[in-house]
Amino acid sequence: MKRREIKATRKKGNYTISGSAQHVPKNWPSGITYLRSPVYSKTLTKPQISFLYSAPLSCSTNSAHQPTSIIPSTAFVKIGTIKSPNTHPALHQRGLFATHHLPPGSLILDYLGLYHSELSTSDYDLSLSRDLGIGIDAVRMGNEGRFINDYRGIRNGPNAEFREHFVGSERRMGVWVLPVGKSGKGRGVGKGEEICVSYGKGFWRSRKAQEFGGDYGEEERDLLVYS
C-alpha cells in the first residue's frame, strides 16, 4: 500500500499528519481524520513539548502519573448511533459503547486529537495543562474517545473518567473505568453499556456563557472536558 501524507491548515496554527491510509471504525464520520496516536501543533513551544515528554520517575507514589505498560486499545469499544430512549440527550447522535465487560479501574483508551496551545471554544477540546495552556482538540481529528457523552440525562452518574497517564515517555489523557470506591461502585462497565463521563462544571458554564454571548477565562478552560 502506498503511503500518503495528509496536510491540513488550521486558523492560527498548522499541523501535518504523515502516515499510511488506515481502516477507520464503523460509524466513523466522513471529514474527520482518524488517529491512532496524538498529533502535535507546530505552534507548541519547546517547554510545552518537554512537558508532554516529562514522564515521572518510576518510583513515583502518584499512581495516576506512573508510566503504564498497558497500551490503550480501541478493541473493546464501538461507536453506535443512539436510538433509544427518547429522553436520551444525544438521541440520533453517536455515543461510545463497550463491546466487552470492562473491569473497574481499567484503561479503556486514550483521548486523541491535536495537541495545541490555543484558546479554543471547540466542543471537543480537553485541557491537559492549565499552567502551560495545552489542550487536546478532537474536533477535526481524533479517535473513538471523541464520542463519549456526559452522563447527565443518561444515567445516575458517570462510569468512566479522564485521567492522565504515560505511554512510554509520552503524556496522554486516558479514559478509565471508575475504580472501586467511586460512584461506579466497582462494577465496571457492562457489555453493550454506554461509556459516560462527567464533562465538568466548566463545560456547562462556558456553554451557558456562549448562549448569552459571553465568554470564559483561563479558570474555566482548565475544567473543559468535551466529547
Protein backbone atom coordinates (compact mmCIF):
# COMPACT_ATOMS: atom_id res chain seq x y z
CA MET A 1 0.00 0.00 0.00
CA LYS A 2 1.35 3.40 -0.92
CA ARG A 3 1.95 5.74 1.96
CA ARG A 4 0.22 9.08 1.90
CA GLU A 5 0.73 12.36 3.72
CA ILE A 6 -2.26 14.33 4.93
CA LYS A 7 -1.69 18.04 5.35
CA ALA A 8 -4.18 20.42 6.90
CA THR A 9 -4.10 24.06 7.87
CA ARG A 10 -5.93 25.48 10.84
CA LYS A 11 -6.52 29.12 11.64
CA LYS A 12 -3.71 30.41 13.88
CA GLY A 13 -1.87 27.09 13.69
CA ASN A 14 -0.55 24.48 11.26
CA TYR A 15 -0.10 20.77 11.63
CA THR A 16 0.90 17.85 9.44
CA ILE A 17 -0.21 14.23 9.70
CA SER A 18 2.07 11.76 7.99
CA GLY A 19 1.30 8.09 7.62
CA SER A 20 -0.44 5.40 5.64
CA ALA A 21 -4.17 5.32 4.99
CA GLN A 22 -5.80 3.26 7.73
CA HIS A 23 -9.07 1.49 8.25
CA VAL A 24 -11.50 3.61 10.25
CA PRO A 25 -14.06 2.21 12.71
CA LYS A 26 -17.66 1.57 11.77
CA ASN A 27 -19.87 4.68 12.08
CA TRP A 28 -16.84 6.98 11.82
CA PRO A 29 -17.96 10.37 10.37
CA SER A 30 -16.68 11.49 7.00
CA GLY A 31 -14.43 14.52 7.02
CA ILE A 32 -12.86 13.68 10.40
CA THR A 33 -9.32 12.28 10.38
CA TYR A 34 -8.98 9.06 12.39
CA LEU A 35 -5.92 8.97 14.67
CA ARG A 36 -4.00 6.16 16.34
CA SER A 37 -1.56 8.50 18.05
CA PRO A 38 -1.54 12.21 19.02
CA VAL A 39 -0.78 14.99 16.57
CA TYR A 40 1.25 17.99 17.76
CA SER A 41 0.55 21.50 16.55
CA LYS A 42 3.56 23.34 15.15
CA THR A 43 2.69 26.22 17.47
CA LEU A 44 3.72 24.22 20.57
CA THR A 45 6.83 25.65 22.23
CA LYS A 46 9.86 23.70 23.43
CA PRO A 47 8.77 23.91 27.10
CA GLN A 48 5.34 22.59 26.13
CA ILE A 49 6.85 19.72 24.16
CA SER A 50 9.15 18.98 27.08
CA PHE A 51 6.13 18.81 29.40
CA LEU A 52 4.47 16.28 27.09
CA TYR A 53 7.52 14.02 27.43
CA SER A 54 8.29 14.63 31.11
CA ALA A 55 7.49 11.15 32.42
CA PRO A 56 7.93 10.95 36.21
CA LEU A 57 10.40 8.64 37.94
CA SER A 58 9.20 5.06 38.12
CA CYS A 59 9.32 5.27 41.91
CA SER A 60 6.67 7.98 42.00
CA THR A 61 3.94 7.33 44.53
CA ASN A 62 1.34 9.06 42.38
CA SER A 63 -0.20 6.11 40.55
CA ALA A 64 -2.16 8.42 38.25
CA HIS A 65 1.11 9.60 36.72
CA GLN A 66 3.14 6.40 36.74
CA PRO A 67 4.15 5.16 33.28
CA THR A 68 1.89 2.34 32.17
CA SER A 69 2.94 -0.70 30.20
CA ILE A 70 -0.65 -1.14 29.04
CA ILE A 71 -1.03 0.27 25.55
CA PRO A 72 -4.60 1.61 25.31
CA SER A 73 -6.70 -0.20 22.74
CA THR A 74 -9.95 0.57 20.99
CA ALA A 75 -10.73 -3.14 20.58
CA PHE A 76 -13.21 -3.11 23.45
CA VAL A 77 -15.38 -0.20 22.30
CA LYS A 78 -17.61 0.68 19.37
CA ILE A 79 -19.27 3.81 18.06
CA GLY A 80 -23.04 3.50 17.97
CA THR A 81 -25.99 5.63 16.94
CA ILE A 82 -28.29 6.28 19.88
CA LYS A 83 -31.84 5.20 19.01
CA SER A 84 -33.41 4.96 22.47
CA PRO A 85 -34.68 6.01 24.91
CA ASN A 86 -36.44 9.08 23.55
CA THR A 87 -35.22 11.04 26.57
CA HIS A 88 -31.55 10.50 25.72
CA PRO A 89 -29.96 13.96 25.28
CA ALA A 90 -27.95 12.72 22.28
CA LEU A 91 -30.80 10.84 20.59
CA HIS A 92 -30.00 10.01 16.92
CA GLN A 93 -26.41 11.10 17.52
CA ARG A 94 -23.36 8.97 18.34
CA GLY A 95 -22.09 7.51 21.59
CA LEU A 96 -19.37 5.09 22.66
CA PHE A 97 -20.29 1.60 23.89
CA ALA A 98 -18.39 -1.30 25.46
CA THR A 99 -18.15 -4.48 23.37
CA HIS A 100 -16.90 -6.49 26.39
CA HIS A 101 -17.15 -6.15 30.13
CA LEU A 102 -14.63 -3.53 31.26
CA PRO A 103 -13.37 -4.13 34.83
CA PRO A 104 -13.13 -1.35 37.45
CA GLY A 105 -10.04 0.85 37.18
CA SER A 106 -9.08 -0.39 33.71
CA LEU A 107 -7.79 1.82 30.92
CA ILE A 108 -10.28 1.93 28.05
CA LEU A 109 -8.49 4.12 25.50
CA ASP A 110 -6.71 7.45 25.13
CA TYR A 111 -8.43 10.67 24.14
CA LEU A 112 -6.60 11.56 20.93
CA GLY A 113 -6.61 14.75 18.92
CA LEU A 114 -4.50 17.77 18.12
CA TYR A 115 -2.23 18.81 21.00
CA HIS A 116 -2.30 22.61 20.82
CA SER A 117 -1.75 25.77 22.85
CA GLU A 118 -4.55 27.98 21.56
CA LEU A 119 -7.65 29.11 23.41
CA SER A 120 -10.47 27.10 21.87
CA THR A 121 -14.26 27.06 22.01
CA SER A 122 -14.41 23.65 20.35
CA ASP A 123 -16.84 21.18 21.89
CA TYR A 124 -14.10 18.54 21.57
CA ASP A 125 -11.32 20.36 23.42
CA LEU A 126 -9.92 18.86 26.61
CA SER A 127 -7.44 20.66 28.85
CA LEU A 128 -4.19 18.80 29.52
CA SER A 129 -2.28 21.57 31.30
CA ARG A 130 -3.75 24.80 32.61
CA ASP A 131 -0.38 26.27 33.57
CA LEU A 132 1.11 25.73 30.10
CA GLY A 133 -2.13 26.20 28.19
CA ILE A 134 -2.06 22.82 26.44
CA GLY A 135 -5.29 21.29 25.15
CA ILE A 136 -6.32 18.26 23.08
CA ASP A 137 -8.81 19.16 20.37
CA ALA A 138 -10.65 16.34 18.57
CA VAL A 139 -12.99 18.48 16.50
CA ARG A 140 -11.24 17.68 13.20
CA MET A 141 -9.21 14.61 14.11
CA GLY A 142 -9.31 12.06 16.87
CA ASN A 143 -10.33 8.53 17.83
CA GLU A 144 -13.34 6.85 19.41
CA GLY A 145 -12.86 8.89 22.58
CA ARG A 146 -14.45 11.93 20.92
CA PHE A 147 -17.86 10.22 21.07
CA ILE A 148 -18.03 9.79 24.84
CA ASN A 149 -21.10 11.58 26.19
CA ASP A 150 -21.70 13.30 29.50
CA TYR A 151 -23.70 11.12 31.89
CA ARG A 152 -26.38 13.73 32.62
CA GLY A 153 -29.76 12.66 31.31
CA ILE A 154 -28.41 9.17 30.55
CA ARG A 155 -27.59 7.54 33.89
CA ASN A 156 -27.31 8.42 37.58
CA GLY A 157 -23.60 9.03 37.41
CA PRO A 158 -20.52 8.51 35.21
CA ASN A 159 -18.98 5.07 34.78
CA ALA A 160 -15.68 6.41 33.43
CA GLU A 161 -13.31 9.31 33.96
CA PHE A 162 -10.50 11.20 32.27
CA ARG A 163 -7.15 10.59 33.94
CA GLU A 164 -3.63 11.48 32.90
CA HIS A 165 -1.01 8.78 32.35
CA PHE A 166 2.06 8.00 30.26
CA VAL A 167 2.53 5.66 27.34
CA GLY A 168 6.25 5.13 27.44
CA SER A 169 7.55 8.67 27.96
CA GLU A 170 4.62 10.42 26.26
CA ARG A 171 1.96 12.16 28.36
CA ARG A 172 -1.59 11.13 27.42
CA MET A 173 -5.11 11.69 28.71
CA GLY A 174 -6.72 8.31 29.17
CA VAL A 175 -10.33 7.28 29.62
CA TRP A 176 -10.55 4.93 32.60
CA VAL A 177 -13.35 2.85 34.08
CA LEU A 178 -14.21 4.22 37.51
CA PRO A 179 -12.30 2.26 40.17
CA VAL A 180 -13.77 0.56 43.22
CA GLY A 181 -14.98 3.12 45.73
CA LYS A 182 -16.25 5.73 43.29
CA SER A 183 -19.82 6.19 42.08
CA GLY A 184 -19.45 3.21 39.76
CA LYS A 185 -19.38 1.08 42.93
CA GLY A 186 -16.72 -1.15 41.46
CA ARG A 187 -18.90 -2.99 39.00
CA GLY A 188 -17.13 -1.76 35.85
CA VAL A 189 -18.85 -1.20 32.51
CA GLY A 190 -21.04 -3.97 31.16
CA LYS A 191 -21.04 -5.29 27.60
CA GLY A 192 -23.24 -3.06 25.45
CA GLU A 193 -23.31 -0.28 28.06
CA GLU A 194 -22.69 3.31 27.03
CA ILE A 195 -19.46 4.79 28.36
CA CYS A 196 -20.15 8.13 30.05
CA VAL A 197 -18.01 10.68 31.87
CA SER A 198 -18.67 13.98 33.61
CA TYR A 199 -17.76 16.90 31.35
CA GLY A 200 -17.25 19.10 34.41
CA LYS A 201 -18.78 22.37 35.57
CA GLY A 202 -16.57 24.41 33.26
CA PHE A 203 -18.18 22.84 30.19
CA TRP A 204 -21.67 23.88 31.25
CA ARG A 205 -20.57 27.34 32.38
CA SER A 206 -18.93 28.00 29.02
CA ARG A 207 -21.95 26.68 27.14
CA LYS A 208 -24.23 28.99 29.09
CA ALA A 209 -21.90 31.93 28.51
CA GLN A 210 -21.80 31.26 24.77
CA GLU A 211 -25.59 31.05 24.58
CA PHE A 212 -25.84 34.51 26.10
CA GLY A 213 -22.94 35.94 24.12
CA GLY A 214 -20.44 35.73 26.95
CA ASP A 215 -17.01 34.20 27.22
CA TYR A 216 -14.92 32.20 29.69
CA GLY A 217 -11.45 32.67 31.07
CA GLU A 218 -8.47 30.50 31.92
CA GLU A 219 -10.04 29.15 35.12
CA GLU A 220 -12.94 27.68 33.18
CA ARG A 221 -10.70 26.41 30.39
CA ASP A 222 -8.95 24.07 32.78
CA LEU A 223 -12.25 22.35 33.53
CA LEU A 224 -13.39 21.87 29.97
CA VAL A 225 -13.85 18.21 29.11
CA TYR A 226 -15.54 17.75 25.77
CA SER A 227 -16.58 14.83 23.62
